[in-house]
N, C-alpha and C. Protein backbone atom coordinates (compact mmCIF):
# COMPACT_ATOMS: atom_id res chain seq x y z
N UNK A 1 0.76 -1.24 0.03
CA UNK A 1 0.17 0.21 0.17
C UNK A 1 0.92 1.36 0.04
N UNK A 2 0.49 2.22 -0.67
CA UNK A 2 1.05 3.58 -0.66
C UNK A 2 0.93 4.17 0.76
N UNK A 3 1.53 5.40 0.86
CA UNK A 3 1.59 6.04 2.07
C UNK A 3 0.01 6.50 2.29
N UNK A 4 -0.50 7.35 1.15
CA UNK A 4 -1.92 7.71 1.36
C UNK A 4 -2.82 6.44 1.80
N UNK A 5 -2.66 5.43 1.14
CA UNK A 5 -3.61 4.34 1.30
C UNK A 5 -3.49 3.60 2.62
N UNK A 6 -2.23 3.49 3.40
CA UNK A 6 -2.08 3.30 4.64
C UNK A 6 -2.82 4.04 5.74
N UNK A 7 -2.62 5.49 5.34
CA UNK A 7 -3.13 6.61 6.16
C UNK A 7 -4.70 6.60 6.13
N UNK A 8 -5.32 6.21 4.93
CA UNK A 8 -6.80 6.03 5.00
C UNK A 8 -7.06 4.95 5.68
N UNK A 9 -6.36 3.80 5.73
CA UNK A 9 -6.92 2.66 6.31
C UNK A 9 -6.88 2.87 7.82
N UNK A 10 -5.74 3.44 8.25
CA UNK A 10 -5.72 4.03 9.58
C UNK A 10 -6.83 4.89 10.22
N UNK A 11 -6.92 5.83 9.36
CA UNK A 11 -8.17 6.67 9.72
C UNK A 11 -9.57 6.11 9.64
N UNK A 12 -9.96 5.10 8.73
CA UNK A 12 -11.03 4.45 8.84
C UNK A 12 -11.14 3.51 10.05
N UNK A 13 -10.01 2.71 10.35
CA UNK A 13 -10.20 1.95 11.55
C UNK A 13 -10.47 2.83 12.85
N UNK A 14 -9.79 3.94 12.86
CA UNK A 14 -10.05 5.01 14.05
C UNK A 14 -11.42 5.41 14.24
N UNK A 15 -11.94 5.75 13.23
CA UNK A 15 -13.46 6.08 13.14
C UNK A 15 -14.28 4.91 13.53
N UNK A 16 -14.06 3.75 13.19
CA UNK A 16 -14.85 2.55 13.60
C UNK A 16 -14.96 2.26 15.09
N UNK A 17 -13.70 2.79 15.63
CA UNK A 17 -13.55 2.33 17.04
C UNK A 17 -14.22 3.51 17.63
N UNK A 18 -14.70 4.81 17.30
CA UNK A 18 -15.37 5.91 17.95
C UNK A 18 -14.76 6.11 19.37
N UNK A 19 -13.63 6.73 19.32
CA UNK A 19 -12.99 7.03 20.57
C UNK A 19 -13.39 8.30 20.81
N UNK A 20 -13.27 8.79 22.25
CA UNK A 20 -13.53 10.15 22.69
C UNK A 20 -12.53 11.18 22.75
N UNK A 21 -11.27 10.64 22.20
CA UNK A 21 -10.17 11.50 22.10
C UNK A 21 -9.45 10.88 21.14
N UNK A 22 -8.66 11.91 20.36
CA UNK A 22 -7.96 11.39 19.06
C UNK A 22 -6.85 12.40 18.92
N UNK A 23 -5.48 11.76 18.87
CA UNK A 23 -4.21 12.55 18.85
C UNK A 23 -3.86 12.32 17.25
N UNK A 24 -3.75 13.28 16.42
CA UNK A 24 -3.03 13.06 15.16
C UNK A 24 -1.99 13.77 14.95
N UNK A 25 -0.90 13.34 14.25
CA UNK A 25 0.22 13.98 13.87
C UNK A 25 0.42 14.12 12.31
N UNK A 26 0.23 15.23 11.72
CA UNK A 26 0.19 15.55 10.45
C UNK A 26 -0.70 14.67 9.57
N UNK A 27 -1.96 14.85 9.98
CA UNK A 27 -3.01 13.84 9.58
C UNK A 27 -3.28 13.94 7.99
N UNK A 28 -2.97 15.38 7.36
CA UNK A 28 -3.17 15.49 5.88
C UNK A 28 -2.15 14.97 5.14
N UNK A 29 -0.91 14.61 5.82
CA UNK A 29 0.17 14.19 4.89
C UNK A 29 -0.22 12.92 4.09
N UNK A 30 0.43 13.00 2.82
CA UNK A 30 0.18 11.70 1.83
C UNK A 30 -1.33 11.60 1.42
N UNK A 31 -2.22 12.52 1.79
CA UNK A 31 -3.51 12.25 1.48
C UNK A 31 -3.86 13.31 0.14
N UNK A 32 -4.74 12.71 -0.65
CA UNK A 32 -5.06 13.49 -1.84
C UNK A 32 -6.19 14.56 -1.53
N UNK A 33 -6.26 15.54 -2.39
CA UNK A 33 -7.44 16.50 -2.20
C UNK A 33 -8.80 16.12 -1.60
N UNK A 34 -9.37 15.08 -2.26
CA UNK A 34 -10.54 14.42 -1.94
C UNK A 34 -10.75 13.95 -0.62
N UNK A 35 -9.64 12.99 -0.47
CA UNK A 35 -9.49 12.44 1.07
C UNK A 35 -9.26 13.69 2.16
N UNK A 36 -8.59 14.62 1.81
CA UNK A 36 -8.31 15.73 2.79
C UNK A 36 -9.62 16.09 3.16
N UNK A 37 -10.49 16.57 2.20
CA UNK A 37 -11.70 17.08 2.38
C UNK A 37 -12.62 16.15 3.30
N UNK A 38 -12.64 14.82 2.93
CA UNK A 38 -13.50 13.88 3.63
C UNK A 38 -13.04 13.94 5.03
N UNK A 39 -11.65 14.04 5.22
CA UNK A 39 -11.22 13.82 6.71
C UNK A 39 -11.66 14.93 7.41
N UNK A 40 -11.43 16.37 6.86
CA UNK A 40 -12.01 17.42 7.41
C UNK A 40 -13.50 17.39 7.96
N UNK A 41 -14.20 17.14 6.97
CA UNK A 41 -15.79 16.86 7.43
C UNK A 41 -15.98 16.04 8.31
N UNK A 42 -15.33 14.77 8.33
CA UNK A 42 -15.44 13.76 9.55
C UNK A 42 -15.08 14.26 10.93
N UNK A 43 -13.94 15.09 10.56
CA UNK A 43 -13.46 15.51 12.03
C UNK A 43 -14.25 16.73 12.58
N UNK A 44 -14.75 17.70 11.64
CA UNK A 44 -15.80 18.55 12.12
C UNK A 44 -16.99 18.06 12.63
N UNK A 45 -17.42 16.88 12.25
CA UNK A 45 -18.63 16.20 12.77
C UNK A 45 -18.25 15.45 14.14
N UNK A 46 -16.87 15.35 14.49
CA UNK A 46 -16.49 14.58 15.57
C UNK A 46 -16.73 15.18 16.86
N UNK A 47 -17.57 14.44 17.75
CA UNK A 47 -17.76 15.04 19.06
C UNK A 47 -16.95 14.93 20.17
N UNK A 48 -15.59 14.31 20.09
CA UNK A 48 -14.79 14.17 21.15
C UNK A 48 -13.95 14.98 21.12
N UNK A 49 -12.70 14.91 21.69
CA UNK A 49 -11.59 15.97 21.86
C UNK A 49 -10.63 15.51 20.79
N UNK A 50 -10.11 16.52 19.98
CA UNK A 50 -9.17 16.27 18.94
C UNK A 50 -8.00 17.15 19.26
N UNK A 51 -7.04 16.38 19.27
CA UNK A 51 -5.37 17.17 19.53
C UNK A 51 -4.65 16.69 18.18
N UNK A 52 -4.33 17.80 17.36
CA UNK A 52 -3.48 17.49 16.16
C UNK A 52 -2.46 18.50 16.05
N UNK A 53 -1.35 17.97 15.29
CA UNK A 53 -0.28 18.68 14.75
C UNK A 53 -0.12 18.81 13.58
N UNK A 54 -0.10 19.87 12.92
CA UNK A 54 -0.18 20.06 11.41
C UNK A 54 0.57 21.22 10.89
N UNK A 55 1.22 21.21 9.63
CA UNK A 55 1.83 22.27 9.06
C UNK A 55 0.81 22.75 8.01
N UNK A 56 -0.30 22.08 7.72
CA UNK A 56 -1.48 22.52 6.72
C UNK A 56 -2.27 23.52 7.29
N UNK A 57 -1.96 24.87 7.06
CA UNK A 57 -2.69 25.92 7.64
C UNK A 57 -4.30 26.01 7.35
N UNK A 58 -4.53 25.44 6.09
CA UNK A 58 -5.96 25.47 5.67
C UNK A 58 -6.58 24.41 6.66
N UNK A 59 -6.01 23.36 6.82
CA UNK A 59 -6.65 22.34 7.63
C UNK A 59 -6.82 22.79 9.13
N UNK A 60 -5.76 23.44 9.72
CA UNK A 60 -5.69 24.02 10.89
C UNK A 60 -6.92 25.23 10.94
N UNK A 61 -6.96 25.91 10.10
CA UNK A 61 -8.11 27.06 9.97
C UNK A 61 -9.41 26.43 10.07
N UNK A 62 -9.63 25.26 9.41
CA UNK A 62 -11.04 24.64 9.33
C UNK A 62 -11.18 24.08 10.29
N UNK A 63 -10.36 23.57 11.33
CA UNK A 63 -10.88 22.79 12.30
C UNK A 63 -10.23 23.07 13.83
N UNK A 64 -9.36 24.03 13.86
CA UNK A 64 -9.09 24.37 15.18
C UNK A 64 -9.99 25.45 15.84
N UNK A 65 -10.05 25.21 17.09
CA UNK A 65 -10.76 26.33 17.86
C UNK A 65 -9.82 26.90 19.04
N UNK A 66 -8.80 26.11 19.11
CA UNK A 66 -7.83 26.59 20.12
C UNK A 66 -6.39 26.10 19.61
N UNK A 67 -5.45 27.24 19.76
CA UNK A 67 -3.98 26.90 19.33
C UNK A 67 -3.40 26.93 20.39
N UNK A 68 -2.22 25.85 20.68
CA UNK A 68 -1.39 26.01 21.89
C UNK A 68 -0.02 26.13 21.18
N UNK A 69 0.42 27.55 21.29
CA UNK A 69 1.76 27.92 20.63
C UNK A 69 2.93 27.62 21.90
N UNK A 70 3.90 26.84 21.41
CA UNK A 70 5.19 26.55 22.11
C UNK A 70 6.17 27.20 21.67
N UNK A 71 6.78 28.21 22.56
CA UNK A 71 7.97 28.90 22.54
C UNK A 71 8.71 29.26 23.52
N UNK A 72 10.07 29.00 23.54
CA UNK A 72 10.78 29.41 24.65
C UNK A 72 10.40 28.65 25.96
N UNK A 73 9.95 27.35 25.86
CA UNK A 73 9.72 26.49 26.90
C UNK A 73 8.33 27.25 27.65
N UNK A 74 7.65 27.83 26.96
CA UNK A 74 6.38 28.29 27.49
C UNK A 74 5.22 27.76 26.49
N UNK A 75 4.13 27.61 26.94
CA UNK A 75 2.81 27.18 26.33
C UNK A 75 1.78 28.51 26.26
N UNK A 76 1.33 29.28 25.21
CA UNK A 76 0.62 30.13 25.13
C UNK A 76 -0.74 29.63 24.47
N UNK A 77 -1.79 29.83 25.08
CA UNK A 77 -3.11 29.33 24.42
C UNK A 77 -3.82 30.53 23.69
N UNK A 78 -4.14 30.22 22.66
CA UNK A 78 -5.22 31.20 21.70
C UNK A 78 -6.43 30.76 21.47
N UNK A 79 -7.64 31.11 21.93
CA UNK A 79 -8.74 30.48 21.65
C UNK A 79 -9.42 31.12 20.20
N UNK A 80 -9.11 30.28 19.28
CA UNK A 80 -9.48 30.68 17.86
C UNK A 80 -8.78 29.88 16.95
N UNK A 81 -9.07 29.97 15.65
CA UNK A 81 -8.13 29.30 14.58
C UNK A 81 -7.00 29.87 14.19
N UNK A 82 -6.34 29.46 13.36
CA UNK A 82 -4.98 29.83 12.64
C UNK A 82 -4.92 31.31 12.46
N UNK A 83 -6.17 31.61 11.74
CA UNK A 83 -6.00 33.18 11.54
C UNK A 83 -6.18 34.12 12.91
N UNK A 84 -6.72 33.57 13.55
CA UNK A 84 -6.76 34.37 14.81
C UNK A 84 -5.56 34.28 15.76
N UNK A 85 -4.97 33.07 15.55
CA UNK A 85 -3.68 33.09 16.16
C UNK A 85 -2.71 33.97 15.52
N UNK A 86 -2.61 34.16 14.16
CA UNK A 86 -1.70 35.01 13.36
C UNK A 86 -1.97 36.31 13.85
N UNK A 87 -3.30 36.78 14.06
CA UNK A 87 -3.63 38.29 14.17
C UNK A 87 -3.26 38.63 15.78
N UNK A 88 -3.27 37.60 16.42
CA UNK A 88 -3.04 38.01 18.10
C UNK A 88 -1.66 37.47 18.54
N UNK A 89 -0.87 36.94 17.89
CA UNK A 89 0.26 35.96 18.31
C UNK A 89 1.30 37.12 19.03
N UNK A 90 1.41 38.22 18.42
CA UNK A 90 2.46 39.36 18.98
C UNK A 90 1.73 40.49 19.83
N UNK A 91 0.53 40.11 20.20
CA UNK A 91 -0.03 41.32 21.10
C UNK A 91 0.29 41.10 22.82
């Protein structure tokens, strides 16, 4: 299986289990656009807690409602999506 196929299989298995807490590390890596959009929709409908790390700004903007910014051994919490974080980061 390709990287994308393995990722799809893992995500499908995850949603079948119906956990109340999901941790994802770069969940959109190796996914085609259709699968990314499907994942975004599934995660928007997810009722549990979702913690993810991503460099995909579009994905972060669509799903995040809280950003934890780690810098100089400090964690700063921003209540909003990626755009909110960028607007308020240096204030």
